[in-house]
PDB file of N, CA and C in Angstrom:
ATOM      1  N   UNK A   1       0.856  -1.166   0.000  1.00  0.00           N
ATOM      2  CA  UNK A   1       0.000   0.000   0.000  1.00  0.00           C
ATOM      3  C   UNK A   1       0.905   1.232   0.000  1.00  0.00           C
ATOM      4  N   UNK A   2       0.653   2.144  -0.903  1.00  0.00           N
ATOM      5  CA  UNK A   2       1.464   3.354  -0.994  1.00  0.00           C
ATOM      6  C   UNK A   2       0.925   4.431  -0.060  1.00  0.00           C
ATOM      7  N   UNK A   3       1.732   5.462   0.145  1.00  0.00           N
ATOM      8  CA  UNK A   3       1.289   6.592   0.973  1.00  0.00           C
ATOM      9  C   UNK A   3       0.011   7.198   0.417  1.00  0.00           C
ATOM     10  N   UNK A   4      -0.048   7.308  -0.891  1.00  0.00           N
ATOM     11  CA  UNK A   4      -1.235   7.884  -1.535  1.00  0.00           C
ATOM     12  C   UNK A   4      -2.469   7.024  -1.268  1.00  0.00           C
ATOM     13  N   UNK A   5      -2.308   5.714  -1.327  1.00  0.00           N
ATOM     14  CA  UNK A   5      -3.435   4.817  -1.063  1.00  0.00           C
ATOM     15  C   UNK A   5      -3.898   4.921   0.388  1.00  0.00           C
ATOM     16  N   UNK A   6      -2.957   5.064   1.307  1.00  0.00           N
ATOM     17  CA  UNK A   6      -3.311   5.232   2.722  1.00  0.00           C
ATOM     18  C   UNK A   6      -4.140   6.495   2.897  1.00  0.00           C
ATOM     19  N   UNK A   7      -3.689   7.591   2.297  1.00  0.00           N
ATOM     20  CA  UNK A   7      -4.420   8.856   2.407  1.00  0.00           C
ATOM     21  C   UNK A   7      -5.807   8.758   1.801  1.00  0.00           C
ATOM     22  N   UNK A   8      -5.930   8.111   0.657  1.00  0.00           N
ATOM     23  CA  UNK A   8      -7.240   7.964   0.012  1.00  0.00           C
ATOM     24  C   UNK A   8      -8.179   7.123   0.865  1.00  0.00           C
ATOM     25  N   UNK A   9      -7.656   6.101   1.494  1.00  0.00           N
ATOM     26  CA  UNK A   9      -8.450   5.205   2.330  1.00  0.00           C
ATOM     27  C   UNK A   9      -9.172   5.983   3.432  1.00  0.00           C
ATOM     28  N   UNK A  10      -8.439   6.860   4.124  1.00  0.00           N
ATOM     29  CA  UNK A  10      -9.048   7.626   5.211  1.00  0.00           C
ATOM     30  C   UNK A  10      -9.954   8.726   4.699  1.00  0.00           C
ATOM     31  N   UNK A  11      -9.614   9.298   3.555  1.00  0.00           N
ATOM     32  CA  UNK A  11     -10.488  10.320   2.962  1.00  0.00           C
ATOM     33  C   UNK A  11     -11.855   9.726   2.651  1.00  0.00           C
ATOM     34  N   UNK A  12     -11.871   8.513   2.140  1.00  0.00           N
ATOM     35  CA  UNK A  12     -13.137   7.846   1.826  1.00  0.00           C
ATOM     36  C   UNK A  12     -13.941   7.636   3.105  1.00  0.00           C
ATOM     37  N   UNK A  13     -13.293   7.141   4.154  1.00  0.00           N
ATOM     38  CA  UNK A  13     -13.995   6.894   5.420  1.00  0.00           C
ATOM     39  C   UNK A  13     -14.558   8.183   6.006  1.00  0.00           C
ATOM     40  N   UNK A  14     -13.745   9.233   6.046  1.00  0.00           N
ATOM     41  CA  UNK A  14     -14.195  10.501   6.643  1.00  0.00           C
ATOM     42  C   UNK A  14     -15.247  11.187   5.788  1.00  0.00           C
ATOM     43  N   UNK A  15     -15.145  11.052   4.474  1.00  0.00           N
ATOM     44  CA  UNK A  15     -16.115  11.730   3.608  1.00  0.00           C
ATOM     45  C   UNK A  15     -17.519  11.164   3.788  1.00  0.00           C
ATOM     46  N   UNK A  16     -17.618   9.910   4.155  1.00  0.00           N
ATOM     47  CA  UNK A  16     -18.939   9.333   4.420  1.00  0.00           C
ATOM     48  C   UNK A  16     -19.626  10.070   5.563  1.00  0.00           C
ATOM     49  N   UNK A  17     -18.869  10.473   6.561  1.00  0.00           N
ATOM     50  CA  UNK A  17     -19.440  11.165   7.710  1.00  0.00           C
ATOM     51  C   UNK A  17     -19.743  12.624   7.463  1.00  0.00           C
ATOM     52  N   UNK A  18     -18.982  13.280   6.603  1.00  0.00           N
ATOM     53  CA  UNK A  18     -19.190  14.712   6.396  1.00  0.00           C
ATOM     54  C   UNK A  18     -20.462  15.013   5.632  1.00  0.00           C
ATOM     55  N   UNK A  19     -21.005  14.034   4.960  1.00  0.00           N
ATOM     56  CA  UNK A  19     -22.260  14.271   4.236  1.00  0.00           C
ATOM     57  C   UNK A  19     -23.470  14.205   5.166  1.00  0.00           C
ATOM     58  N   UNK A  20     -23.244  13.819   6.416  1.00  0.00           N
ATOM     59  CA  UNK A  20     -24.326  13.738   7.394  1.00  0.00           C
ATOM     60  C   UNK A  20     -24.568  15.110   8.022  1.00  0.00           C
ATOM     61  N   UNK A  21     -25.656  15.233   8.766  1.00  0.00           N
ATOM     62  CA  UNK A  21     -26.086  16.548   9.238  1.00  0.00           C
ATOM     63  C   UNK A  21     -25.603  16.936  10.626  1.00  0.00           C
ATOM     64  N   UNK A  22     -25.287  15.999  11.480  1.00  0.00           N
ATOM     65  CA  UNK A  22     -24.969  16.360  12.862  1.00  0.00           C
ATOM     66  C   UNK A  22     -23.522  16.022  13.215  1.00  0.00           C
ATOM     67  N   UNK A  23     -23.008  16.727  14.224  1.00  0.00           N
ATOM     68  CA  UNK A  23     -21.650  16.462  14.688  1.00  0.00           C
ATOM     69  C   UNK A  23     -21.540  15.090  15.336  1.00  0.00           C
ATOM     70  N   UNK A  24     -22.634  14.613  15.937  1.00  0.00           N
ATOM     71  CA  UNK A  24     -22.599  13.270  16.526  1.00  0.00           C
ATOM     72  C   UNK A  24     -22.318  12.227  15.454  1.00  0.00           C
ATOM     73  N   UNK A  25     -22.953  12.387  14.310  1.00  0.00           N
ATOM     74  CA  UNK A  25     -22.736  11.435  13.217  1.00  0.00           C
ATOM     75  C   UNK A  25     -21.344  11.636  12.622  1.00  0.00           C
ATOM     76  N   UNK A  26     -20.912  12.881  12.499  1.00  0.00           N
ATOM     77  CA  UNK A  26     -19.545  13.141  12.020  1.00  0.00           C
ATOM     78  C   UNK A  26     -18.543  12.444  12.939  1.00  0.00           C
ATOM     79  N   UNK A  27     -18.764  12.593  14.238  1.00  0.00           N
ATOM     80  CA  UNK A  27     -17.878  11.987  15.221  1.00  0.00           C
ATOM     81  C   UNK A  27     -17.898  10.461  15.114  1.00  0.00           C
ATOM     82  N   UNK A  28     -19.064   9.917  14.882  1.00  0.00           N
ATOM     83  CA  UNK A  28     -19.197   8.464  14.712  1.00  0.00           C
ATOM     84  C   UNK A  28     -18.335   7.979  13.551  1.00  0.00           C
ATOM     85  N   UNK A  29     -18.389   8.680  12.417  1.00  0.00           N
ATOM     86  CA  UNK A  29     -17.598   8.273  11.260  1.00  0.00           C
ATOM     87  C   UNK A  29     -16.107   8.509  11.487  1.00  0.00           C
ATOM     88  N   UNK A  30     -15.764   9.506  12.281  1.00  0.00           N
ATOM     89  CA  UNK A  30     -14.358   9.701  12.642  1.00  0.00           C
ATOM     90  C   UNK A  30     -13.867   8.521  13.476  1.00  0.00           C
ATOM     91  N   UNK A  31     -14.726   8.030  14.351  1.00  0.00           N
ATOM     92  CA  UNK A  31     -14.383   6.856  15.151  1.00  0.00           C
ATOM     93  C   UNK A  31     -14.181   5.637  14.262  1.00  0.00           C
ATOM     94  N   UNK A  32     -15.035   5.473  13.272  1.00  0.00           N
ATOM     95  CA  UNK A  32     -14.879   4.366  12.327  1.00  0.00           C
ATOM     96  C   UNK A  32     -13.551   4.496  11.580  1.00  0.00           C
ATOM     97  N   UNK A  33     -13.221   5.709  11.147  1.00  0.00           N
ATOM     98  CA  UNK A  33     -11.956   5.937  10.446  1.00  0.00           C
ATOM     99  C   UNK A  33     -10.766   5.587  11.330  1.00  0.00           C
ATOM    100  N   UNK A  34     -10.828   6.012  12.585  1.00  0.00           N
ATOM    101  CA  UNK A  34      -9.739   5.724  13.516  1.00  0.00           C
ATOM    102  C   UNK A  34      -9.612   4.212  13.734  1.00  0.00           C
ATOM    103  N   UNK A  35     -10.731   3.550  13.916  1.00  0.00           N
ATOM    104  CA  UNK A  35     -10.716   2.096  14.113  1.00  0.00           C
ATOM    105  C   UNK A  35     -10.145   1.383  12.897  1.00  0.00           C
ATOM    106  N   UNK A  36     -10.485   1.869  11.716  1.00  0.00           N
ATOM    107  CA  UNK A  36      -9.951   1.284  10.486  1.00  0.00           C
ATOM    108  C   UNK A  36      -8.440   1.472  10.406  1.00  0.00           C
ATOM    109  N   UNK A  37      -7.960   2.619  10.868  1.00  0.00           N
ATOM    110  CA  UNK A  37      -6.520   2.876  10.866  1.00  0.00           C
ATOM    111  C   UNK A  37      -5.793   1.908  11.796  1.00  0.00           C
ATOM    112  N   UNK A  38      -6.370   1.667  12.955  1.00  0.00           N
ATOM    113  CA  UNK A  38      -5.759   0.724  13.897  1.00  0.00           C
ATOM    114  C   UNK A  38      -5.778  -0.687  13.307  1.00  0.00           C
ATOM    115  N   UNK A  39      -6.859  -1.033  12.638  1.00  0.00           N
ATOM    116  CA  UNK A  39      -6.940  -2.339  11.978  1.00  0.00           C
ATOM    117  C   UNK A  39      -5.875  -2.455  10.888  1.00  0.00           C
ATOM    118  N   UNK A  40      -5.699  -1.393  10.117  1.00  0.00           N
ATOM    119  CA  UNK A  40      -4.672  -1.390   9.075  1.00  0.00           C
ATOM    120  C   UNK A  40      -3.288  -1.554   9.692  1.00  0.00           C
ATOM    121  N   UNK A  41      -3.047  -0.877  10.795  1.00  0.00           N
ATOM    122  CA  UNK A  41      -1.762  -0.998  11.477  1.00  0.00           C
ATOM    123  C   UNK A  41      -1.511  -2.441  11.901  1.00  0.00           C
ATOM    124  N   UNK A  42      -2.515  -3.085  12.429  1.00  0.00           N
ATOM    125  CA  UNK A  42      -2.391  -4.489  12.816  1.00  0.00           C
ATOM    126  C   UNK A  42      -2.086  -5.367  11.601  1.00  0.00           C
ATOM    127  N   UNK A  43      -2.771  -5.107  10.486  1.00  0.00           N
ATOM    128  CA  UNK A  43      -2.522  -5.875   9.269  1.00  0.00           C
ATOM    129  C   UNK A  43      -1.114  -5.638   8.730  1.00  0.00           C
ATOM    130  N   UNK A  44      -0.600  -4.426   8.895  1.00  0.00           N
ATOM    131  CA  UNK A  44       0.778  -4.132   8.480  1.00  0.00           C
ATOM    132  C   UNK A  44       1.772  -4.968   9.278  1.00  0.00           C
ATOM    133  N   UNK A  45       1.541  -5.040  10.577  1.00  0.00           N
ATOM    134  CA  UNK A  45       2.429  -5.823  11.440  1.00  0.00           C
ATOM    135  C   UNK A  45       2.416  -7.288  11.015  1.00  0.00           C
ATOM    136  N   UNK A  46       1.236  -7.811  10.765  1.00  0.00           N
ATOM    137  CA  UNK A  46       1.118  -9.207  10.333  1.00  0.00           C
ATOM    138  C   UNK A  46       1.810  -9.411   8.992  1.00  0.00           C
ATOM    139  N   UNK A  47       1.582  -8.488   8.039  1.00  0.00           N
ATOM    140  CA  UNK A  47       2.199  -8.606   6.712  1.00  0.00           C
ATOM    141  C   UNK A  47       3.722  -8.578   6.813  1.00  0.00           C
ATOM    142  N   UNK A  48       4.243  -7.727   7.683  1.00  0.00           N
ATOM    143  CA  UNK A  48       5.698  -7.669   7.875  1.00  0.00           C
ATOM    144  C   UNK A  48       6.204  -8.968   8.491  1.00  0.00           C
ATOM    145  N   UNK A  49       5.513  -9.448   9.521  1.00  0.00           N
ATOM    146  CA  UNK A  49       5.927 -10.687  10.186  1.00  0.00           C
ATOM    147  C   UNK A  49       5.901 -11.886   9.247  1.00  0.00           C
ATOM    148  N   UNK A  50       4.970 -11.877   8.299  1.00  0.00           N
ATOM    149  CA  UNK A  50       4.864 -12.988   7.346  1.00  0.00           C
ATOM    150  C   UNK A  50       5.774 -12.816   6.132  1.00  0.00           C
ATOM    151  N   UNK A  51       6.481 -11.695   6.071  1.00  0.00           N
ATOM    152  CA  UNK A  51       7.432 -11.476   4.990  1.00  0.00           C
ATOM    153  C   UNK A  51       6.863 -10.844   3.736  1.00  0.00           C
ATOM    154  N   UNK A  52       5.638 -10.347   3.792  1.00  0.00           N
ATOM    155  CA  UNK A  52       5.034  -9.698   2.627  1.00  0.00           C
ATOM    156  C   UNK A  52       5.528  -8.266   2.441  1.00  0.00           C
ATOM    157  N   UNK A  53       6.011  -7.654   3.520  1.00  0.00           N
ATOM    158  CA  UNK A  53       6.541  -6.294   3.464  1.00  0.00           C
ATOM    159  C   UNK A  53       7.977  -6.292   3.961  1.00  0.00           C
ATOM    160  N   UNK A  54       8.810  -5.506   3.305  1.00  0.00           N
ATOM    161  CA  UNK A  54      10.163  -5.299   3.827  1.00  0.00           C
ATOM    162  C   UNK A  54      10.069  -4.361   5.023  1.00  0.00           C
ATOM    163  N   UNK A  55      11.130  -4.299   5.785  1.00  0.00           N
ATOM    164  CA  UNK A  55      11.146  -3.401   6.935  1.00  0.00           C
ATOM    165  C   UNK A  55      10.982  -1.953   6.487  1.00  0.00           C
ATOM    166  N   UNK A  56      11.589  -1.594   5.352  1.00  0.00           N
ATOM    167  CA  UNK A  56      11.487  -0.235   4.831  1.00  0.00           C
ATOM    168  C   UNK A  56      10.049   0.099   4.435  1.00  0.00           C
ATOM    169  N   UNK A  57       9.385  -0.837   3.754  1.00  0.00           N
ATOM    170  CA  UNK A  57       7.984  -0.623   3.363  1.00  0.00           C
ATOM    171  C   UNK A  57       7.106  -0.473   4.604  1.00  0.00           C
ATOM    172  N   UNK A  58       7.345  -1.330   5.560  1.00  0.00           N
ATOM    173  CA  UNK A  58       6.570  -1.293   6.802  1.00  0.00           C
ATOM    174  C   UNK A  58       6.712   0.060   7.493  1.00  0.00           C
ATOM    175  N   UNK A  59       7.941   0.516   7.643  1.00  0.00           N
ATOM    176  CA  UNK A  59       8.187   1.792   8.323  1.00  0.00           C
ATOM    177  C   UNK A  59       7.540   2.938   7.561  1.00  0.00           C
ATOM    178  N   UNK A  60       7.668   2.938   6.244  1.00  0.00           N
ATOM    179  CA  UNK A  60       7.098   4.012   5.429  1.00  0.00           C
ATOM    180  C   UNK A  60       5.586   4.111   5.608  1.00  0.00           C
ATOM    181  N   UNK A  61       4.903   2.989   5.507  1.00  0.00           N
ATOM    182  CA  UNK A  61       3.443   3.006   5.628  1.00  0.00           C
ATOM    183  C   UNK A  61       3.026   3.254   7.076  1.00  0.00           C
ATOM    184  N   UNK A  62       3.742   2.673   8.017  1.00  0.00           N
ATOM    185  CA  UNK A  62       3.398   2.879   9.427  1.00  0.00           C
ATOM    186  C   UNK A  62       3.477   4.356   9.809  1.00  0.00           C
ATOM    187  N   UNK A  63       4.494   5.041   9.312  1.00  0.00           N
ATOM    188  CA  UNK A  63       4.611   6.475   9.595  1.00  0.00           C
ATOM    189  C   UNK A  63       3.399   7.233   9.065  1.00  0.00           C
ATOM    190  N   UNK A  64       2.938   6.869   7.885  1.00  0.00           N
ATOM    191  CA  UNK A  64       1.749   7.511   7.321  1.00  0.00           C
ATOM    192  C   UNK A  64       0.507   7.205   8.159  1.00  0.00           C
ATOM    193  N   UNK A  65       0.382   5.970   8.585  1.00  0.00           N
ATOM    194  CA  UNK A  65      -0.767   5.583   9.410  1.00  0.00           C
ATOM    195  C   UNK A  65      -0.739   6.348  10.737  1.00  0.00           C
ATOM    196  N   UNK A  66       0.431   6.502  11.315  1.00  0.00           N
ATOM    197  CA  UNK A  66       0.540   7.240  12.576  1.00  0.00           C
ATOM    198  C   UNK A  66       0.128   8.700  12.401  1.00  0.00           C
ATOM    199  N   UNK A  67       0.529   9.305  11.301  1.00  0.00           N
ATOM    200  CA  UNK A  67       0.122  10.687  11.019  1.00  0.00           C
ATOM    201  C   UNK A  67      -1.393  10.763  10.874  1.00  0.00           C
ATOM    202  N   UNK A  68      -1.950   9.837  10.108  1.00  0.00           N
ATOM    203  CA  UNK A  68      -3.393   9.841   9.871  1.00  0.00           C
ATOM    204  C   UNK A  68      -4.173   9.609  11.158  1.00  0.00           C
ATOM    205  N   UNK A  69      -3.720   8.681  11.993  1.00  0.00           N
ATOM    206  CA  UNK A  69      -4.451   8.427  13.238  1.00  0.00           C
ATOM    207  C   UNK A  69      -4.386   9.640  14.162  1.00  0.00           C
ATOM    208  N   UNK A  70      -3.252  10.328  14.167  1.00  0.00           N
ATOM    209  CA  UNK A  70      -3.135  11.546  14.968  1.00  0.00           C
ATOM    210  C   UNK A  70      -4.146  12.587  14.491  1.00  0.00           C
ATOM    211  N   UNK A  71      -4.220  12.792  13.179  1.00  0.00           N
ATOM    212  CA  UNK A  71      -5.139  13.787  12.624  1.00  0.00           C
ATOM    213  C   UNK A  71      -6.599  13.413  12.870  1.00  0.00           C
ATOM    214  N   UNK A  72      -6.915  12.149  12.696  1.00  0.00           N
ATOM    215  CA  UNK A  72      -8.291  11.698  12.920  1.00  0.00           C
ATOM    216  C   UNK A  72      -8.665  11.865  14.397  1.00  0.00           C
ATOM    217  N   UNK A  73      -7.744  11.535  15.287  1.00  0.00           N
ATOM    218  CA  UNK A  73      -8.012  11.683  16.725  1.00  0.00           C
ATOM    219  C   UNK A  73      -8.255  13.145  17.085  1.00  0.00           C
ATOM    220  N   UNK A  74      -7.480  14.049  16.503  1.00  0.00           N
ATOM    221  CA  UNK A  74      -7.681  15.487  16.754  1.00  0.00           C
ATOM    222  C   UNK A  74      -9.030  15.951  16.214  1.00  0.00           C
ATOM    223  N   UNK A  75      -9.400  15.467  15.034  1.00  0.00           N
ATOM    224  CA  UNK A  75     -10.696  15.813  14.452  1.00  0.00           C
ATOM    225  C   UNK A  75     -11.818  15.347  15.372  1.00  0.00           C
ATOM    226  N   UNK A  76     -11.741  14.119  15.820  1.00  0.00           N
ATOM    227  CA  UNK A  76     -12.783  13.577  16.698  1.00  0.00           C
ATOM    228  C   UNK A  76     -12.857  14.342  18.013  1.00  0.00           C
ATOM    229  N   UNK A  77     -11.705  14.694  18.569  1.00  0.00           N
ATOM    230  CA  UNK A  77     -11.689  15.475  19.808  1.00  0.00           C
ATOM    231  C   UNK A  77     -12.383  16.820  19.605  1.00  0.00           C
ATOM    232  N   UNK A  78     -12.136  17.446  18.478  1.00  0.00           N
ATOM    233  CA  UNK A  78     -12.787  18.717  18.155  1.00  0.00           C
ATOM    234  C   UNK A  78     -14.297  18.532  18.023  1.00  0.00           C
ATOM    235  N   UNK A  79     -14.702  17.472  17.354  1.00  0.00           N
ATOM    236  CA  UNK A  79     -16.129  17.190  17.191  1.00  0.00           C
ATOM    237  C   UNK A  79     -16.789  16.932  18.538  1.00  0.00           C
ATOM    238  N   UNK A  80     -16.122  16.188  19.402  1.00  0.00           N
ATOM    239  CA  UNK A  80     -16.670  15.902  20.731  1.00  0.00           C
ATOM    240  C   UNK A  80     -16.804  17.181  21.551  1.00  0.00           C
ATOM    241  N   UNK A  81     -15.861  18.084  21.402  1.00  0.00           N
ATOM    242  CA  UNK A  81     -15.921  19.366  22.106  1.00  0.00           C
ATOM    243  C   UNK A  81     -17.137  20.176  21.655  1.00  0.00           C
ATOM    244  N   UNK A  82     -17.389  20.188  20.361  1.00  0.00           N
ATOM    245  CA  UNK A  82     -18.554  20.901  19.824  1.00  0.00           C
ATOM    246  C   UNK A  82     -19.845  20.275  20.342  1.00  0.00           C
ATOM    247  N   UNK A  83     -19.886  18.960  20.396  1.00  0.00           N
ATOM    248  CA  UNK A  83     -21.073  18.255  20.889  1.00  0.00           C
ATOM    249  C   UNK A  83     -21.336  18.624  22.351  1.00  0.00           C
ATOM    250  N   UNK A  84     -20.292  18.666  23.163  1.00  0.00           N
ATOM    251  CA  UNK A  84     -20.456  19.008  24.583  1.00  0.00           C
ATOM    252  C   UNK A  84     -20.898  20.450  24.777  1.00  0.00           C
ATOM    253  N   UNK A  85     -20.410  21.354  23.931  1.00  0.00           N
ATOM    254  CA  UNK A  85     -20.758  22.768  24.056  1.00  0.00           C
ATOM    255  C   UNK A  85     -22.174  23.064  23.574  1.00  0.00           C
ATOM    256  N   UNK A  86     -22.636  22.316  22.600  1.00  0.00           N
ATOM    257  CA  UNK A  86     -23.947  22.562  21.986  1.00  0.00           C
ATOM    258  C   UNK A  86     -24.745  21.269  21.875  1.00  0.00           C
ATOM    259  N   UNK A  87     -25.120  20.651  22.984  1.00  0.00           N
ATOM    260  CA  UNK A  87     -25.770  19.343  22.910  1.00  0.00           C
ATOM    261  C   UNK A  87     -27.098  19.338  22.160  1.00  0.00           C
ATOM    262  N   UNK A  88     -27.818  20.437  22.164  1.00  0.00           N
ATOM    263  CA  UNK A  88     -29.119  20.464  21.487  1.00  0.00           C
ATOM    264  C   UNK A  88     -28.993  20.693  19.989  1.00  0.00           C
ATOM    265  N   UNK A  89     -27.888  21.260  19.548  1.00  0.00           N
ATOM    266  CA  UNK A  89     -27.718  21.571  18.133  1.00  0.00           C
ATOM    267  C   UNK A  89     -27.017  20.464  17.372  1.00  0.00           C
ATOM    268  N   UNK A  90     -26.580  19.436  18.049  1.00  0.00           N
ATOM    269  CA  UNK A  90     -25.851  18.375  17.384  1.00  0.00           C
ATOM    270  C   UNK A  90     -26.786  17.247  17.099  1.00  0.00           C
TER     271      UNK A  90
END
């Protein structure tokens, strides 16, 4: 999986949530995106252990996944903050 493919994967997951109307639903899809990233990370570890990925490939993709999970976590935290501040509008 290339860096570009990793980025597209999360864009697809997050875009599903942005078409919804409330921050609660946006936050839900951010959670799904984050969970998918953790699942991908686990699959990377398995692929490396089984010899499907070189150490260099593993490190390259893992770094991208770590960046993406950080960004998704920040997005979700922001969404949760909005939900807490405006519970009736979400």
